[in-house]
């Protein structure tokens, strides 16, 4: 019974991680588009400003995705032992 609960807990944790990643990827784009909307309505900026905001938002999303990728690969990477480490089981 305990095994089933931990499996379900891991599943919910994975769903939460995917949801958080999705929000982290969408949020920069939405913020930049909203900033462009405010610029066009309040200050009278031209409509092509949305294109620049879209690319800045994509850049922020790609940066977030790259940082998540680095974090995941760092966790999955095996730990390296130093070359000059002294070990009693090491044979010459």
N, C-alpha and C. Protein backbone atom coordinates (compact mmCIF):
# COMPACT_ATOMS: atom_id res chain seq x y z
N UNK A 1 0.82 -1.20 0.00
CA UNK A 1 0.00 0.00 0.00
C UNK A 1 0.86 1.26 0.00
N UNK A 2 1.96 1.22 0.72
CA UNK A 2 2.83 2.40 0.79
C UNK A 2 3.48 2.66 -0.57
N UNK A 3 3.86 1.60 -1.27
CA UNK A 3 4.47 1.74 -2.58
C UNK A 3 3.54 2.45 -3.56
N UNK A 4 2.25 2.12 -3.52
CA UNK A 4 1.28 2.74 -4.40
C UNK A 4 1.16 4.24 -4.11
N UNK A 5 1.21 4.60 -2.84
CA UNK A 5 1.11 6.00 -2.46
C UNK A 5 2.33 6.79 -2.93
N UNK A 6 3.52 6.22 -2.80
CA UNK A 6 4.71 6.94 -3.24
C UNK A 6 4.75 7.08 -4.75
N UNK A 7 4.26 6.05 -5.48
CA UNK A 7 4.20 6.16 -6.94
C UNK A 7 3.23 7.27 -7.36
N UNK A 8 2.11 7.34 -6.69
CA UNK A 8 1.13 8.39 -6.98
C UNK A 8 1.69 9.76 -6.62
N UNK A 9 2.43 9.83 -5.54
CA UNK A 9 3.06 11.08 -5.14
C UNK A 9 4.10 11.53 -6.17
N UNK A 10 4.89 10.58 -6.68
CA UNK A 10 5.87 10.92 -7.72
C UNK A 10 5.18 11.40 -8.99
N UNK A 11 4.06 10.77 -9.32
CA UNK A 11 3.31 11.17 -10.51
C UNK A 11 2.80 12.59 -10.38
N UNK A 12 2.22 12.92 -9.23
CA UNK A 12 1.73 14.28 -9.00
C UNK A 12 2.87 15.30 -8.99
N UNK A 13 4.01 14.89 -8.47
CA UNK A 13 5.18 15.78 -8.47
C UNK A 13 5.63 16.06 -9.90
N UNK A 14 5.63 15.03 -10.74
CA UNK A 14 6.03 15.23 -12.14
C UNK A 14 5.03 16.12 -12.88
N UNK A 15 3.74 15.94 -12.62
CA UNK A 15 2.74 16.82 -13.24
C UNK A 15 2.93 18.27 -12.79
N UNK A 16 3.24 18.46 -11.52
CA UNK A 16 3.48 19.81 -11.01
C UNK A 16 4.70 20.43 -11.67
N UNK A 17 5.74 19.63 -11.88
CA UNK A 17 6.96 20.14 -12.52
C UNK A 17 6.68 20.55 -13.97
N UNK A 18 5.92 19.73 -14.68
CA UNK A 18 5.58 20.06 -16.07
C UNK A 18 4.73 21.33 -16.13
N UNK A 19 3.79 21.44 -15.21
CA UNK A 19 2.96 22.64 -15.16
C UNK A 19 3.77 23.88 -14.85
N UNK A 20 4.71 23.76 -13.93
CA UNK A 20 5.56 24.89 -13.58
C UNK A 20 6.45 25.28 -14.76
N UNK A 21 6.98 24.29 -15.46
CA UNK A 21 7.80 24.58 -16.64
C UNK A 21 6.98 25.29 -17.70
N UNK A 22 5.75 24.85 -17.91
CA UNK A 22 4.88 25.51 -18.89
C UNK A 22 4.61 26.96 -18.53
N UNK A 23 4.33 27.20 -17.26
CA UNK A 23 4.11 28.58 -16.83
C UNK A 23 5.38 29.41 -16.97
N UNK A 24 6.52 28.82 -16.66
CA UNK A 24 7.79 29.54 -16.77
C UNK A 24 8.13 29.88 -18.21
N UNK A 25 7.67 29.06 -19.15
CA UNK A 25 7.94 29.34 -20.56
C UNK A 25 6.96 30.35 -21.16
N UNK A 26 5.73 30.36 -20.69
CA UNK A 26 4.70 31.24 -21.26
C UNK A 26 4.75 32.64 -20.65
N UNK A 27 5.12 32.75 -19.39
CA UNK A 27 5.05 34.03 -18.68
C UNK A 27 5.89 35.14 -19.32
N UNK A 28 7.17 34.92 -19.70
CA UNK A 28 7.91 36.03 -20.33
C UNK A 28 7.27 36.54 -21.61
N UNK A 29 6.72 35.63 -22.39
CA UNK A 29 6.07 36.03 -23.64
C UNK A 29 4.83 36.87 -23.35
N UNK A 30 4.03 36.44 -22.39
CA UNK A 30 2.82 37.20 -22.05
C UNK A 30 3.15 38.57 -21.46
N UNK A 31 4.18 38.64 -20.66
CA UNK A 31 4.57 39.93 -20.07
C UNK A 31 5.03 40.90 -21.17
N UNK A 32 5.82 40.40 -22.12
CA UNK A 32 6.29 41.28 -23.20
C UNK A 32 5.15 41.71 -24.10
N UNK A 33 4.22 40.82 -24.40
CA UNK A 33 3.07 41.20 -25.22
C UNK A 33 2.20 42.22 -24.48
N UNK A 34 2.02 42.03 -23.18
CA UNK A 34 1.25 43.00 -22.39
C UNK A 34 1.95 44.36 -22.35
N UNK A 35 3.28 44.35 -22.24
CA UNK A 35 4.02 45.61 -22.25
C UNK A 35 3.85 46.32 -23.60
N UNK A 36 3.85 45.56 -24.68
CA UNK A 36 3.63 46.15 -26.01
C UNK A 36 2.22 46.72 -26.12
N UNK A 37 1.26 46.01 -25.57
CA UNK A 37 -0.12 46.51 -25.57
C UNK A 37 -0.21 47.84 -24.83
N UNK A 38 0.44 47.91 -23.68
CA UNK A 38 0.42 49.16 -22.91
C UNK A 38 1.11 50.29 -23.68
N UNK A 39 2.21 49.96 -24.35
CA UNK A 39 2.92 50.98 -25.13
C UNK A 39 2.05 51.50 -26.28
N UNK A 40 1.33 50.61 -26.94
CA UNK A 40 0.53 51.06 -28.08
C UNK A 40 -0.72 51.81 -27.64
N UNK A 41 -1.34 51.42 -26.54
CA UNK A 41 -2.57 52.09 -26.12
C UNK A 41 -2.30 53.37 -25.35
N UNK A 42 -1.32 53.37 -24.49
CA UNK A 42 -1.07 54.55 -23.63
C UNK A 42 -0.19 55.60 -24.29
N UNK A 43 0.86 55.13 -24.98
CA UNK A 43 1.82 56.08 -25.54
C UNK A 43 1.68 56.27 -27.05
N UNK A 44 0.82 55.49 -27.66
CA UNK A 44 0.62 55.63 -29.10
C UNK A 44 1.76 55.09 -29.93
N UNK A 45 2.45 54.07 -29.44
CA UNK A 45 3.54 53.45 -30.19
C UNK A 45 2.95 52.72 -31.41
N UNK A 46 3.73 52.58 -32.47
CA UNK A 46 3.21 51.89 -33.66
C UNK A 46 2.98 50.40 -33.40
N UNK A 47 2.18 49.79 -34.25
CA UNK A 47 1.79 48.39 -34.08
C UNK A 47 2.92 47.39 -34.28
N UNK A 48 3.96 47.78 -35.03
CA UNK A 48 5.06 46.85 -35.26
C UNK A 48 5.86 46.57 -34.00
N UNK A 49 5.59 47.30 -32.95
CA UNK A 49 6.30 47.09 -31.68
C UNK A 49 5.98 45.71 -31.11
N UNK A 50 4.82 45.14 -31.51
CA UNK A 50 4.46 43.78 -31.07
C UNK A 50 5.47 42.75 -31.55
N UNK A 51 6.02 42.95 -32.73
CA UNK A 51 7.01 42.01 -33.28
C UNK A 51 8.24 41.98 -32.38
N UNK A 52 8.70 43.15 -31.99
CA UNK A 52 9.88 43.23 -31.11
C UNK A 52 9.56 42.59 -29.76
N UNK A 53 8.39 42.88 -29.22
CA UNK A 53 7.99 42.29 -27.95
C UNK A 53 7.87 40.78 -28.02
N UNK A 54 7.38 40.28 -29.15
CA UNK A 54 7.27 38.84 -29.33
C UNK A 54 8.64 38.18 -29.31
N UNK A 55 9.61 38.77 -30.00
CA UNK A 55 10.95 38.18 -30.02
C UNK A 55 11.64 38.28 -28.67
N UNK A 56 11.45 39.39 -27.94
CA UNK A 56 12.00 39.48 -26.59
C UNK A 56 11.36 38.44 -25.67
N UNK A 57 10.07 38.22 -25.82
CA UNK A 57 9.39 37.21 -25.02
C UNK A 57 9.89 35.81 -25.33
N UNK A 58 10.11 35.52 -26.62
CA UNK A 58 10.68 34.23 -27.00
C UNK A 58 12.09 34.07 -26.45
N UNK A 59 12.85 35.14 -26.45
CA UNK A 59 14.21 35.08 -25.89
C UNK A 59 14.18 34.75 -24.40
N UNK A 60 13.26 35.37 -23.69
CA UNK A 60 13.13 35.06 -22.26
C UNK A 60 12.68 33.63 -22.02
N UNK A 61 11.79 33.14 -22.85
CA UNK A 61 11.34 31.74 -22.73
C UNK A 61 12.46 30.77 -23.05
N UNK A 62 13.24 31.07 -24.07
CA UNK A 62 14.36 30.19 -24.42
C UNK A 62 15.42 30.19 -23.32
N UNK A 63 15.64 31.33 -22.70
CA UNK A 63 16.59 31.39 -21.60
C UNK A 63 16.13 30.52 -20.44
N UNK A 64 14.85 30.58 -20.13
CA UNK A 64 14.29 29.75 -19.07
C UNK A 64 14.42 28.27 -19.42
N UNK A 65 14.10 27.91 -20.64
CA UNK A 65 14.21 26.51 -21.07
C UNK A 65 15.65 26.02 -21.01
N UNK A 66 16.60 26.87 -21.39
CA UNK A 66 18.01 26.50 -21.35
C UNK A 66 18.49 26.28 -19.92
N UNK A 67 18.04 27.14 -19.01
CA UNK A 67 18.42 26.97 -17.60
C UNK A 67 17.84 25.69 -17.02
N UNK A 68 16.62 25.36 -17.39
CA UNK A 68 16.02 24.11 -16.92
C UNK A 68 16.79 22.92 -17.50
N UNK A 69 17.16 23.01 -18.78
CA UNK A 69 17.94 21.95 -19.41
C UNK A 69 19.27 21.75 -18.70
N UNK A 70 19.97 22.84 -18.40
CA UNK A 70 21.24 22.73 -17.69
C UNK A 70 21.07 22.12 -16.32
N UNK A 71 20.00 22.49 -15.62
CA UNK A 71 19.74 21.95 -14.30
C UNK A 71 19.47 20.45 -14.35
N UNK A 72 18.70 20.01 -15.33
CA UNK A 72 18.38 18.59 -15.45
C UNK A 72 19.62 17.79 -15.82
N UNK A 73 20.41 18.28 -16.76
CA UNK A 73 21.61 17.55 -17.16
C UNK A 73 22.63 17.52 -16.03
N UNK A 74 22.68 18.56 -15.23
CA UNK A 74 23.61 18.59 -14.09
C UNK A 74 23.21 17.55 -13.05
N UNK A 75 21.91 17.36 -12.83
CA UNK A 75 21.45 16.37 -11.85
C UNK A 75 21.68 14.95 -12.35
N UNK A 76 21.58 14.72 -13.65
CA UNK A 76 21.74 13.38 -14.21
C UNK A 76 23.18 13.00 -14.49
N UNK A 77 24.09 13.94 -14.40
CA UNK A 77 25.50 13.69 -14.69
C UNK A 77 26.14 12.93 -13.53
N UNK A 78 26.89 11.86 -13.82
CA UNK A 78 27.55 11.14 -12.73
C UNK A 78 28.66 11.99 -12.11
N UNK A 79 28.85 11.80 -10.84
CA UNK A 79 29.88 12.57 -10.14
C UNK A 79 31.26 12.07 -10.54
N UNK A 80 32.14 13.00 -10.85
CA UNK A 80 33.50 12.65 -11.25
C UNK A 80 34.41 12.69 -10.02
N UNK A 81 35.29 11.73 -9.96
CA UNK A 81 36.24 11.68 -8.86
C UNK A 81 37.52 12.36 -9.31
N UNK A 82 38.17 13.07 -8.42
CA UNK A 82 39.43 13.73 -8.79
C UNK A 82 40.52 12.71 -9.10
N UNK A 83 41.42 13.09 -10.00
CA UNK A 83 42.52 12.21 -10.41
C UNK A 83 43.49 11.93 -9.26
N UNK A 84 43.74 12.92 -8.43
CA UNK A 84 44.75 12.78 -7.38
C UNK A 84 44.15 12.27 -6.07
N UNK A 85 42.98 11.65 -6.13
CA UNK A 85 42.35 11.13 -4.93
C UNK A 85 43.08 9.87 -4.46
N UNK A 86 43.32 9.80 -3.18
CA UNK A 86 44.00 8.65 -2.60
C UNK A 86 42.95 7.62 -2.23
N UNK A 87 43.19 6.39 -2.66
CA UNK A 87 42.27 5.31 -2.39
C UNK A 87 43.06 4.07 -2.02
N UNK A 88 42.60 3.34 -1.01
CA UNK A 88 43.31 2.13 -0.60
C UNK A 88 43.04 0.98 -1.55
N UNK A 89 42.00 1.05 -2.34
CA UNK A 89 41.68 -0.02 -3.27
C UNK A 89 42.32 0.18 -4.64
N UNK A 90 43.01 1.28 -4.81
CA UNK A 90 43.63 1.58 -6.10
C UNK A 90 44.93 0.80 -6.23
N UNK A 91 45.02 0.02 -7.32
CA UNK A 91 46.22 -0.78 -7.54
C UNK A 91 47.08 -0.12 -8.60
N UNK A 92 48.38 -0.23 -8.43
CA UNK A 92 49.33 0.40 -9.36
C UNK A 92 49.63 -0.49 -10.51
